[in-house]
Every structure is written in C-alpha cells, then in structure tokens.
Amino acid sequence: MSAIDFSRSYMRWFNSRNNVRILIDAACTLIDDDAGTTLASASSQGLTVDGKKKDVAKAVGALVAERAKAAGVNVVSLDRNGYKYHGRVAALATGAREGGLEF
C-alpha cells in the first residue's frame, strides 16, 4: 500500500493526545472524494474497550467497518496520514478487515 487509490473511498487514520488525562483518541473517517462527503466515521470516544491502545484501535476499525457496510461500502484504501503501517495503524486495518472491509 504505497499509494492511495483515490478512485475508491478511503479510510483516514487520525490520532490525537488529550493533554489533561494523557489518553489517546483514535479516529477513522471514510471519505468519498468524488462526492466530497464523509460516508462513515468512528472514534474511540465512547467505546468501552479494556486493554492496550492497539485493542482500542482494532475496535475502532471494526466499528468503522460496520458503519461502512451499512453505507454500502465494501472496498476502501487506507490513508495512514503520515504514520507508519505499524502498531495502532495496523490494528485499525486488522479490525476493519475482520469487520468485512477489503483494502
């Protein structure tokens, strides 16, 4: 996955740090560039997942896959947003694949 195929919907990874509690918020958005719309999105806010940050990212991937399938999207490209395909980004992709999305 060296280049993003913008001819299909793509999934963008976002990661932020909350300075107050030092929590990691993982978010993912499914975007259709042709229509200029967001098809589905998911975030770790509100999820109750015990475990490591990778477990949270995997749960976000599964949630965005569920929402994408409800929107009629089955095939996406992954936009890592400058992050290496490792750790939480890889866990997000694994969760999405297990949820039924194809890359």
Protein backbone atom coordinates (compact mmCIF):
# COMPACT_ATOMS: atom_id res chain seq x y z
CA MET A 1 0.00 0.00 0.00
CA SER A 2 2.44 2.65 -1.11
CA ALA A 3 -0.12 4.93 -2.75
CA ILE A 4 -3.72 5.76 -2.01
CA ASP A 5 -6.19 4.89 -4.72
CA PHE A 6 -8.45 7.95 -4.69
CA SER A 7 -10.76 6.38 -7.27
CA ARG A 8 -12.37 4.50 -4.37
CA SER A 9 -13.43 5.58 -0.91
CA TYR A 10 -10.56 5.83 1.50
CA MET A 11 -10.19 5.38 5.23
CA ARG A 12 -8.13 8.05 7.02
CA TRP A 13 -6.43 7.38 10.37
CA PHE A 14 -6.30 10.18 12.94
CA ASN A 15 -4.58 10.11 16.31
CA SER A 16 -4.68 12.81 18.99
CA ARG A 17 -3.42 13.21 22.53
CA ASN A 18 -5.56 14.65 25.27
CA ASN A 19 -3.11 16.57 27.48
CA VAL A 20 -5.37 16.60 30.52
CA ARG A 21 -5.62 12.85 31.07
CA ILE A 22 -2.94 11.62 28.65
CA LEU A 23 -5.47 9.50 26.80
CA ILE A 24 -5.16 8.51 23.20
CA ASP A 25 -8.12 9.14 20.93
CA ALA A 26 -8.14 7.06 17.79
CA ALA A 27 -10.45 8.08 14.99
CA CYS A 28 -11.14 6.92 11.49
CA THR A 29 -13.13 8.56 8.72
CA LEU A 30 -14.36 7.00 5.49
CA ILE A 31 -14.31 9.65 2.73
CA ASP A 32 -15.65 9.79 -0.82
CA ASP A 33 -13.58 12.44 -2.60
CA ASP A 34 -15.71 12.39 -5.76
CA ALA A 35 -18.85 13.39 -3.87
CA GLY A 36 -16.96 15.36 -1.23
CA THR A 37 -18.72 13.58 1.62
CA THR A 38 -17.95 11.57 4.70
CA LEU A 39 -19.53 8.13 4.34
CA ALA A 40 -18.84 6.82 7.84
CA SER A 41 -16.69 7.59 10.83
CA ALA A 42 -15.76 6.05 14.16
CA SER A 43 -13.83 7.18 17.19
CA SER A 44 -12.57 5.65 20.41
CA GLN A 45 -14.57 8.22 22.37
CA GLY A 46 -17.46 6.42 23.95
CA LEU A 47 -16.02 2.94 23.37
CA THR A 48 -15.53 0.79 26.42
CA VAL A 49 -12.56 -1.36 25.46
CA ASP A 50 -10.22 -2.67 28.12
CA GLY A 51 -6.67 -3.32 27.09
CA LYS A 52 -3.89 -1.69 25.18
CA LYS A 53 -4.04 1.15 22.67
CA LYS A 54 -3.86 -1.44 19.87
CA ASP A 55 -7.03 -3.08 21.19
CA VAL A 56 -8.80 0.28 21.08
CA ALA A 57 -7.61 0.92 17.50
CA LYS A 58 -8.79 -2.54 16.45
CA ALA A 59 -12.23 -1.85 17.97
CA VAL A 60 -12.40 1.47 16.05
CA GLY A 61 -11.54 -0.40 12.85
CA ALA A 62 -14.32 -2.91 13.45
CA LEU A 63 -16.78 -0.13 14.22
CA VAL A 64 -15.94 1.85 11.07
CA ALA A 65 -16.23 -1.36 9.03
CA GLU A 66 -19.71 -1.96 10.43
CA ARG A 67 -20.74 1.61 9.61
CA ALA A 68 -19.16 1.45 6.15
CA LYS A 69 -21.01 -1.74 5.27
CA ALA A 70 -24.25 -0.08 6.41
CA ALA A 71 -23.43 2.77 3.99
CA GLY A 72 -22.85 0.26 1.16
CA VAL A 73 -19.05 0.49 1.07
CA ASN A 74 -17.04 -2.74 0.92
CA VAL A 75 -13.71 -1.75 -0.69
CA VAL A 76 -11.52 1.10 0.59
CA SER A 77 -7.98 2.43 0.50
CA LEU A 78 -6.13 3.18 3.74
CA ASP A 79 -4.69 6.67 4.26
CA ARG A 80 -2.22 6.32 7.13
CA ASN A 81 -1.98 10.13 7.38
CA GLY A 82 1.81 10.00 7.55
CA TYR A 83 2.01 7.27 10.20
CA LYS A 84 3.92 4.03 9.62
CA TYR A 85 1.87 0.89 8.98
CA HIS A 86 2.69 -0.45 12.40
CA GLY A 87 1.14 -0.67 15.86
CA ARG A 88 -2.21 1.09 16.11
CA VAL A 89 -2.50 1.78 12.38
CA ALA A 90 -2.02 -1.91 11.63
CA ALA A 91 -4.50 -2.81 14.39
CA LEU A 92 -7.07 -0.44 12.90
CA ALA A 93 -6.65 -2.09 9.49
CA THR A 94 -6.92 -5.56 11.04
CA GLY A 95 -10.15 -4.62 12.79
CA ALA A 96 -11.56 -3.21 9.56
CA ARG A 97 -10.59 -6.33 7.61
CA GLU A 98 -12.12 -8.57 10.25
CA GLY A 99 -15.23 -6.40 10.02
CA GLY A 100 -15.51 -7.19 6.31
CA LEU A 101 -13.78 -4.30 4.51
CA GLU A 102 -11.38 -5.05 1.67
CA PHE A 103 -8.27 -2.97 1.01
